[in-house]
C-alpha atoms as a PDB file:
ATOM      1  CA  MET A   1       0.000   0.000   0.000  1.00  0.00           C
ATOM      2  CA  MET A   2       1.364   3.406  -0.967  1.00  0.00           C
ATOM      3  CA  LEU A   3       1.901   5.741   1.964  1.00  0.00           C
ATOM      4  CA  ARG A   4       0.504   9.243   1.836  1.00  0.00           C
ATOM      5  CA  ASP A   5       2.804  12.203   2.347  1.00  0.00           C
ATOM      6  CA  PRO A   6       2.949  12.714   6.154  1.00  0.00           C
ATOM      7  CA  HIS A   7       2.786  16.486   5.615  1.00  0.00           C
ATOM      8  CA  GLU A   8      -0.395  16.526   3.542  1.00  0.00           C
ATOM      9  CA  SER A   9      -3.745  17.709   4.863  1.00  0.00           C
ATOM     10  CA  ILE A  10      -6.298  14.997   5.602  1.00  0.00           C
ATOM     11  CA  VAL A  11      -9.892  14.810   6.824  1.00  0.00           C
ATOM     12  CA  ARG A  12     -10.949  12.440   9.595  1.00  0.00           C
ATOM     13  CA  ASN A  13     -14.077  11.981  11.678  1.00  0.00           C
ATOM     14  CA  ILE A  14     -13.659  13.363  15.184  1.00  0.00           C
ATOM     15  CA  LEU A  15     -15.896  13.328  18.254  1.00  0.00           C
ATOM     16  CA  ILE A  16     -17.016  16.803  19.309  1.00  0.00           C
ATOM     17  CA  PHE A  17     -18.670  17.932  22.527  1.00  0.00           C
ATOM     18  CA  PRO A  18     -20.112  21.331  21.561  1.00  0.00           C
ATOM     19  CA  ALA A  19     -19.842  24.213  23.993  1.00  0.00           C
ATOM     20  CA  ASP A  20     -23.445  25.277  23.355  1.00  0.00           C
ATOM     21  CA  GLY A  21     -24.912  22.291  25.206  1.00  0.00           C
ATOM     22  CA  GLY A  22     -25.852  20.292  22.125  1.00  0.00           C
ATOM     23  CA  ASP A  23     -25.481  16.538  21.888  1.00  0.00           C
ATOM     24  CA  PRO A  24     -22.033  15.039  21.233  1.00  0.00           C
ATOM     25  CA  ARG A  25     -21.591  14.111  17.588  1.00  0.00           C
ATOM     26  CA  ILE A  26     -19.191  12.622  15.077  1.00  0.00           C
ATOM     27  CA  SER A  27     -18.070  15.224  12.560  1.00  0.00           C
ATOM     28  CA  PRO A  28     -15.342  15.534   9.888  1.00  0.00           C
ATOM     29  CA  MET A  29     -12.437  17.887  10.573  1.00  0.00           C
ATOM     30  CA  THR A  30      -9.228  18.806   8.787  1.00  0.00           C
ATOM     31  CA  PHE A  31      -5.797  17.777  10.059  1.00  0.00           C
ATOM     32  CA  ASN A  32      -2.900  19.832   8.714  1.00  0.00           C
ATOM     33  CA  GLU A  33       0.497  21.360   9.450  1.00  0.00           C
ATOM     34  CA  ALA A  34      -1.006  24.748  10.262  1.00  0.00           C
ATOM     35  CA  GLY A  35      -3.170  23.128  12.921  1.00  0.00           C
ATOM     36  CA  ALA A  36      -0.123  21.483  14.474  1.00  0.00           C
ATOM     37  CA  LYS A  37       1.897  24.711  14.497  1.00  0.00           C
ATOM     38  CA  ALA A  38      -0.928  26.711  16.074  1.00  0.00           C
ATOM     39  CA  ASN A  39      -1.485  24.126  18.813  1.00  0.00           C
ATOM     40  CA  PRO A  40       0.869  24.331  21.833  1.00  0.00           C
ATOM     41  CA  GLU A  41       0.196  20.602  22.335  1.00  0.00           C
ATOM     42  CA  GLY A  42       0.751  19.797  18.649  1.00  0.00           C
ATOM     43  CA  VAL A  43       3.996  17.840  18.678  1.00  0.00           C
ATOM     44  CA  TYR A  44       3.235  15.910  15.484  1.00  0.00           C
ATOM     45  CA  THR A  45       3.759  16.928  11.855  1.00  0.00           C
ATOM     46  CA  VAL A  46       0.020  17.427  11.342  1.00  0.00           C
ATOM     47  CA  ASN A  47      -2.773  17.730  13.864  1.00  0.00           C
ATOM     48  CA  VAL A  48      -6.445  18.587  13.970  1.00  0.00           C
ATOM     49  CA  ASP A  49      -6.938  22.234  13.015  1.00  0.00           C
ATOM     50  CA  LEU A  50      -8.783  23.842  15.921  1.00  0.00           C
ATOM     51  CA  ARG A  51      -8.347  27.470  14.874  1.00  0.00           C
ATOM     52  CA  GLY A  52     -11.875  27.649  13.494  1.00  0.00           C
ATOM     53  CA  LEU A  53     -13.289  26.523  16.850  1.00  0.00           C
ATOM     54  CA  TYR A  54     -11.154  28.511  19.278  1.00  0.00           C
ATOM     55  CA  GLY A  55      -9.874  31.412  17.194  1.00  0.00           C
ATOM     56  CA  GLN A  56      -6.175  32.044  16.616  1.00  0.00           C
ATOM     57  CA  ARG A  57      -5.928  34.336  19.665  1.00  0.00           C
ATOM     58  CA  ASN A  58      -7.107  31.577  22.014  1.00  0.00           C
ATOM     59  CA  MET A  59      -4.986  28.754  20.616  1.00  0.00           C
ATOM     60  CA  TYR A  60      -2.281  29.337  23.264  1.00  0.00           C
ATOM     61  CA  ALA A  61      -4.768  28.006  25.855  1.00  0.00           C
ATOM     62  CA  THR A  62      -5.384  24.698  24.035  1.00  0.00           C
ATOM     63  CA  ARG A  63      -4.667  21.679  26.215  1.00  0.00           C
ATOM     64  CA  GLN A  64      -4.548  17.936  25.514  1.00  0.00           C
ATOM     65  CA  LYS A  65      -5.459  14.786  27.435  1.00  0.00           C
ATOM     66  CA  GLY A  66      -4.461  11.372  26.079  1.00  0.00           C
ATOM     67  CA  TRP A  67      -6.007   7.933  26.528  1.00  0.00           C
ATOM     68  CA  ASP A  68      -4.831   4.473  25.487  1.00  0.00           C
ATOM     69  CA  ILE A  69      -8.026   2.434  25.542  1.00  0.00           C
ATOM     70  CA  THR A  70      -7.838  -1.366  25.789  1.00  0.00           C
ATOM     71  CA  ASN A  71      -9.957  -4.363  26.820  1.00  0.00           C
ATOM     72  CA  GLN A  72     -13.253  -3.050  25.455  1.00  0.00           C
ATOM     73  CA  PRO A  73     -16.267  -5.217  24.531  1.00  0.00           C
ATOM     74  CA  GLU A  74     -16.436  -3.316  21.252  1.00  0.00           C
ATOM     75  CA  LYS A  75     -12.932  -3.714  19.843  1.00  0.00           C
ATOM     76  CA  ILE A  76     -13.418  -0.901  17.361  1.00  0.00           C
ATOM     77  CA  THR A  77     -13.231   1.588  20.249  1.00  0.00           C
ATOM     78  CA  GLU A  78      -9.780   0.420  21.344  1.00  0.00           C
ATOM     79  CA  GLY A  79      -6.750   2.530  20.502  1.00  0.00           C
ATOM     80  CA  GLU A  80      -5.059   5.828  21.298  1.00  0.00           C
ATOM     81  CA  TYR A  81      -7.079   9.016  21.604  1.00  0.00           C
ATOM     82  CA  ASP A  82      -6.302  12.673  22.231  1.00  0.00           C
ATOM     83  CA  LEU A  83      -8.883  15.014  23.720  1.00  0.00           C
ATOM     84  CA  PHE A  84      -8.363  18.722  23.077  1.00  0.00           C
ATOM     85  CA  HIS A  85      -9.997  21.430  25.158  1.00  0.00           C
ATOM     86  CA  ASN A  86      -9.356  25.090  25.864  1.00  0.00           C
ATOM     87  CA  ALA A  87      -8.868  27.046  29.063  1.00  0.00           C
ATOM     88  CA  SER A  88      -9.264  30.602  27.765  1.00  0.00           C
ATOM     89  CA  PRO A  89     -11.746  32.658  29.839  1.00  0.00           C
ATOM     90  CA  LYS A  90     -12.718  34.357  26.572  1.00  0.00           C
ATOM     91  CA  LEU A  91     -14.454  31.146  25.494  1.00  0.00           C
ATOM     92  CA  PRO A  92     -17.744  29.954  27.026  1.00  0.00           C
ATOM     93  CA  VAL A  93     -17.902  27.155  29.555  1.00  0.00           C
ATOM     94  CA  ASN A  94     -18.706  23.920  27.730  1.00  0.00           C
ATOM     95  CA  ALA A  95     -22.322  23.262  28.723  1.00  0.00           C
ATOM     96  CA  THR A  96     -22.288  19.762  27.217  1.00  0.00           C
ATOM     97  CA  MET A  97     -19.314  18.643  29.306  1.00  0.00           C
ATOM     98  CA  ALA A  98     -20.834  20.238  32.408  1.00  0.00           C
ATOM     99  CA  ARG A  99     -24.038  18.281  31.844  1.00  0.00           C
ATOM    100  CA  LEU A 100     -22.125  15.017  31.435  1.00  0.00           C
ATOM    101  CA  VAL A 101     -20.441  15.454  34.828  1.00  0.00           C
ATOM    102  CA  GLY A 102     -23.610  16.698  36.534  1.00  0.00           C
ATOM    103  CA  VAL A 103     -22.473  20.258  37.224  1.00  0.00           C
ATOM    104  CA  ASP A 104     -24.312  23.566  36.892  1.00  0.00           C
ATOM    105  CA  PRO A 105     -22.027  25.774  34.735  1.00  0.00           C
ATOM    106  CA  LYS A 106     -23.104  28.802  36.786  1.00  0.00           C
ATOM    107  CA  LYS A 107     -22.051  27.112  40.040  1.00  0.00           C
ATOM    108  CA  PRO A 108     -19.068  24.934  39.108  1.00  0.00           C
ATOM    109  CA  GLY A 109     -17.700  24.554  42.625  1.00  0.00           C
ATOM    110  CA  LYS A 110     -14.055  23.803  43.339  1.00  0.00           C
ATOM    111  CA  ARG A 111     -13.195  22.016  40.105  1.00  0.00           C
ATOM    112  CA  PRO A 112     -12.562  23.803  36.803  1.00  0.00           C
ATOM    113  CA  LEU A 113     -14.745  23.315  33.742  1.00  0.00           C
ATOM    114  CA  TRP A 114     -13.780  22.990  30.099  1.00  0.00           C
ATOM    115  CA  ARG A 115     -14.160  25.960  27.757  1.00  0.00           C
ATOM    116  CA  GLY A 116     -14.986  26.047  24.087  1.00  0.00           C
ATOM    117  CA  ASP A 117     -15.760  22.960  22.035  1.00  0.00           C
ATOM    118  CA  VAL A 118     -14.045  19.754  23.160  1.00  0.00           C
ATOM    119  CA  VAL A 119     -12.627  17.566  20.394  1.00  0.00           C
ATOM    120  CA  VAL A 120     -11.530  13.918  20.525  1.00  0.00           C
ATOM    121  CA  VAL A 121      -9.294  12.449  17.813  1.00  0.00           C
ATOM    122  CA  LYS A 122      -8.034   8.905  17.303  1.00  0.00           C
ATOM    123  CA  ARG A 123      -4.403   8.416  16.367  1.00  0.00           C
ATOM    124  CA  THR A 124      -2.114   5.539  15.477  1.00  0.00           C
ATOM    125  CA  GLU A 125       1.592   5.150  14.846  1.00  0.00           C
ATOM    126  CA  TRP A 126       2.955   6.159  11.472  1.00  0.00           C
ATOM    127  CA  PRO A 127       3.081   2.877   9.482  1.00  0.00           C
ATOM    128  CA  ALA A 128       6.689   3.204   8.333  1.00  0.00           C
ATOM    129  CA  PRO A 129      10.152   4.007   9.699  1.00  0.00           C
ATOM    130  CA  ILE A 130      10.756   7.735  10.204  1.00  0.00           C
ATOM    131  CA  ALA A 131      14.107   9.153   9.150  1.00  0.00           C
ATOM    132  CA  THR A 132      16.092  11.051  11.773  1.00  0.00           C
ATOM    133  CA  GLY A 133      15.168  14.713  11.694  1.00  0.00           C
ATOM    134  CA  ALA A 134      12.131  14.140   9.474  1.00  0.00           C
ATOM    135  CA  GLY A 135       9.653  15.124  12.177  1.00  0.00           C
ATOM    136  CA  ALA A 136       7.218  13.335  14.470  1.00  0.00           C
ATOM    137  CA  HIS A 137       4.764  11.809  12.026  1.00  0.00           C
ATOM    138  CA  MET A 138       1.448  10.442  13.233  1.00  0.00           C
ATOM    139  CA  ASP A 139      -1.456   8.837  11.421  1.00  0.00           C
ATOM    140  CA  TYR A 140      -5.087   9.447  12.316  1.00  0.00           C
ATOM    141  CA  LEU A 141      -8.183   7.261  12.150  1.00  0.00           C
ATOM    142  CA  ASP A 142     -11.890   8.020  12.135  1.00  0.00           C
ATOM    143  CA  VAL A 143     -13.327   8.075  15.643  1.00  0.00           C
ATOM    144  CA  PRO A 144     -15.981   5.321  15.701  1.00  0.00           C
ATOM    145  CA  SER A 145     -19.484   6.298  16.759  1.00  0.00           C
ATOM    146  CA  GLN A 146     -19.309   3.660  19.507  1.00  0.00           C
ATOM    147  CA  ALA A 147     -16.671   5.772  21.272  1.00  0.00           C
ATOM    148  CA  MET A 148     -19.251   8.475  21.979  1.00  0.00           C
ATOM    149  CA  GLU A 149     -20.899   6.513  24.782  1.00  0.00           C
ATOM    150  CA  LEU A 150     -17.546   5.409  26.211  1.00  0.00           C
ATOM    151  CA  PHE A 151     -16.324   8.991  26.578  1.00  0.00           C
ATOM    152  CA  SER A 152     -19.673  10.457  27.634  1.00  0.00           C
ATOM    153  CA  SER A 153     -20.603   7.924  30.311  1.00  0.00           C
ATOM    154  CA  LEU A 154     -17.242   6.723  31.608  1.00  0.00           C
ATOM    155  CA  LEU A 155     -14.031   8.510  30.658  1.00  0.00           C
ATOM    156  CA  ILE A 156     -15.074  12.146  31.007  1.00  0.00           C
ATOM    157  CA  PRO A 157     -16.906  11.748  34.367  1.00  0.00           C
ATOM    158  CA  PHE A 158     -13.975   9.708  35.711  1.00  0.00           C
ATOM    159  CA  TRP A 159     -11.516  12.379  34.558  1.00  0.00           C
ATOM    160  CA  TYR A 160     -13.579  15.181  36.098  1.00  0.00           C
ATOM    161  CA  ASN A 161     -13.519  13.440  39.484  1.00  0.00           C
ATOM    162  CA  SER A 162      -9.798  12.636  39.329  1.00  0.00           C
ATOM    163  CA  ASP A 163      -7.035  14.384  41.264  1.00  0.00           C
ATOM    164  CA  GLU A 164      -5.468  15.260  37.911  1.00  0.00           C
ATOM    165  CA  TRP A 165      -8.417  17.434  36.881  1.00  0.00           C
ATOM    166  CA  ARG A 166      -8.958  18.840  40.370  1.00  0.00           C
ATOM    167  CA  ASP A 167      -5.388  20.157  40.276  1.00  0.00           C
ATOM    168  CA  PHE A 168      -5.553  21.450  36.687  1.00  0.00           C
ATOM    169  CA  LEU A 169      -5.030  25.122  37.550  1.00  0.00           C
ATOM    170  CA  ARG A 170      -2.233  24.371  39.996  1.00  0.00           C
ATOM    171  CA  THR A 171      -0.471  22.267  37.366  1.00  0.00           C
ATOM    172  CA  GLU A 172      -0.909  25.071  34.816  1.00  0.00           C
ATOM    173  CA  GLN A 173       0.676  27.502  37.273  1.00  0.00           C
ATOM    174  CA  GLU A 174       3.611  25.179  37.939  1.00  0.00           C
ATOM    175  CA  TRP A 175       4.287  24.573  34.230  1.00  0.00           C
ATOM    176  CA  ASN A 176       4.088  28.268  33.437  1.00  0.00           C
ATOM    177  CA  ASP A 177       6.447  29.198  36.263  1.00  0.00           C
ATOM    178  CA  ALA A 178       8.821  26.381  35.294  1.00  0.00           C
ATOM    179  CA  GLY A 179       9.179  27.901  31.821  1.00  0.00           C
ATOM    180  CA  LEU A 180      10.121  31.271  33.312  1.00  0.00           C
ATOM    181  CA  GLU A 181      12.600  29.672  35.715  1.00  0.00           C
ATOM    182  CA  LYS A 182      14.194  27.702  32.881  1.00  0.00           C
ATOM    183  CA  ASP A 183      14.676  30.892  30.865  1.00  0.00           C
ATOM    184  CA  GLN A 184      16.188  32.714  33.827  1.00  0.00           C
ATOM    185  CA  ASN A 185      18.658  29.864  34.386  1.00  0.00           C
ATOM    186  CA  TRP A 186      19.423  29.321  30.689  1.00  0.00           C
ATOM    187  CA  PRO A 187      22.844  31.099  30.753  1.00  0.00           C
ATOM    188  CA  MET A 188      23.912  28.739  33.530  1.00  0.00           C
ATOM    189  CA  TYR A 189      22.727  25.715  31.520  1.00  0.00           C
ATOM    190  CA  GLN A 190      24.704  26.921  28.503  1.00  0.00           C
ATOM    191  CA  LYS A 191      27.861  27.061  30.607  1.00  0.00           C
ATOM    192  CA  LEU A 192      27.240  23.615  32.071  1.00  0.00           C
ATOM    193  CA  TYR A 193      26.328  22.072  28.711  1.00  0.00           C
ATOM    194  CA  PRO A 194      28.449  23.601  25.911  1.00  0.00           C
ATOM    195  CA  MET A 195      26.588  21.537  23.309  1.00  0.00           C
ATOM    196  CA  LEU A 196      23.648  23.921  23.763  1.00  0.00           C
ATOM    197  CA  GLY A 197      25.696  26.603  22.055  1.00  0.00           C
ATOM    198  CA  SER A 198      23.687  29.704  21.226  1.00  0.00           C
ATOM    199  CA  THR A 199      20.313  27.949  21.144  1.00  0.00           C
ATOM    200  CA  LYS A 200      17.434  29.744  22.833  1.00  0.00           C
ATOM    201  CA  SER A 201      15.546  28.421  25.831  1.00  0.00           C
ATOM    202  CA  GLY A 202      12.267  28.384  23.909  1.00  0.00           C
ATOM    203  CA  PHE A 203      10.632  30.690  26.435  1.00  0.00           C
ATOM    204  CA  ASP A 204       7.937  32.998  25.061  1.00  0.00           C
ATOM    205  CA  LYS A 205       7.287  35.934  27.395  1.00  0.00           C
ATOM    206  CA  LYS A 206       4.070  36.882  25.609  1.00  0.00           C
ATOM    207  CA  THR A 207       2.600  33.400  26.030  1.00  0.00           C
ATOM    208  CA  TYR A 208       3.807  33.288  29.638  1.00  0.00           C
ATOM    209  CA  ASP A 209       2.023  36.549  30.438  1.00  0.00           C
ATOM    210  CA  LYS A 210      -1.185  35.491  28.671  1.00  0.00           C
ATOM    211  CA  THR A 211      -1.196  32.164  30.502  1.00  0.00           C
ATOM    212  CA  ALA A 212      -0.591  33.860  33.858  1.00  0.00           C
ATOM    213  CA  ARG A 213      -3.534  36.206  33.260  1.00  0.00           C
ATOM    214  CA  MET A 214      -5.665  33.254  32.149  1.00  0.00           C
ATOM    215  CA  ILE A 215      -4.931  31.343  35.355  1.00  0.00           C
ATOM    216  CA  ASP A 216      -5.678  34.377  37.529  1.00  0.00           C
ATOM    217  CA  ARG A 217      -9.013  34.972  35.783  1.00  0.00           C
ATOM    218  CA  LEU A 218     -10.033  31.325  36.046  1.00  0.00           C
ATOM    219  CA  LYS A 219      -9.194  31.268  39.749  1.00  0.00           C
ATOM    220  CA  THR A 220     -11.240  34.422  40.299  1.00  0.00           C
ATOM    221  CA  THR A 221     -14.180  33.118  38.276  1.00  0.00           C
ATOM    222  CA  ARG A 222     -14.151  29.837  40.160  1.00  0.00           C
ATOM    223  CA  SER A 223     -13.988  31.453  43.613  1.00  0.00           C
ATOM    224  CA  CYS A 224     -16.797  33.903  42.779  1.00  0.00           C
ATOM    225  CA  SER A 225     -19.089  31.111  41.595  1.00  0.00           C
ATOM    226  CA  MET A 226     -18.461  28.770  44.527  1.00  0.00           C
ATOM    227  CA  PRO A 227     -21.353  28.432  46.998  1.00  0.00           C
ATOM    228  CA  SER A 228     -20.829  29.987  50.405  1.00  0.00           C
ATOM    229  CA  ALA A 229     -20.162  27.866  53.479  1.00  0.00           C
ATOM    230  CA  SER A 230     -23.739  28.380  54.643  1.00  0.00           C
ATOM    231  CA  SER A 231     -25.254  27.034  51.417  1.00  0.00           C
ATOM    232  CA  THR A 232     -27.249  23.835  51.573  1.00  0.00           C
END
């Protein structure tokens, strides 16, 4: 079988949980290099292009959660999945996701809620050796309709109630601060590791500042919407 060019744009069926409270659905979306470059979680050569959902200005707040699903009664649902969501306060709280986890979006409590549309893609290893320096190629499959129930009834509620999701904002803060600390210590690293040469640390002050403001706004929004201690 002839392999496609790993850089070419493709269309695959994804699972989308719309922010407007509508039912989850399977829908075609484009995967391309531009989508990968715009996505801070897009480590592969091509990725699903979320710019039309989130807007270019909110792409910095795109986050990813991965699953490797095995041992399912319906074998077609098994495989590796990536869920993409957004944390930008400029996007609406995802009413569909809130409904799935039994939360009132206006009173979310102590745990954060997803913003913007939530997209699930199914990926698989590139079916050929990858030359050194050629990039991180990945192939993508259509998300089967049977996966809708699996994510809606099991995976998303379990994730919402996990320590990982409870600590989402704290983890965001730690990662953001770690990037700043790395940049501040970069001259020392260059002295310790001469092979680094004149390479940059990769720190982006603009993204750091936007992320810091995002975290502060989300913390404020969450605390304002939490019920008081006297609530029943």
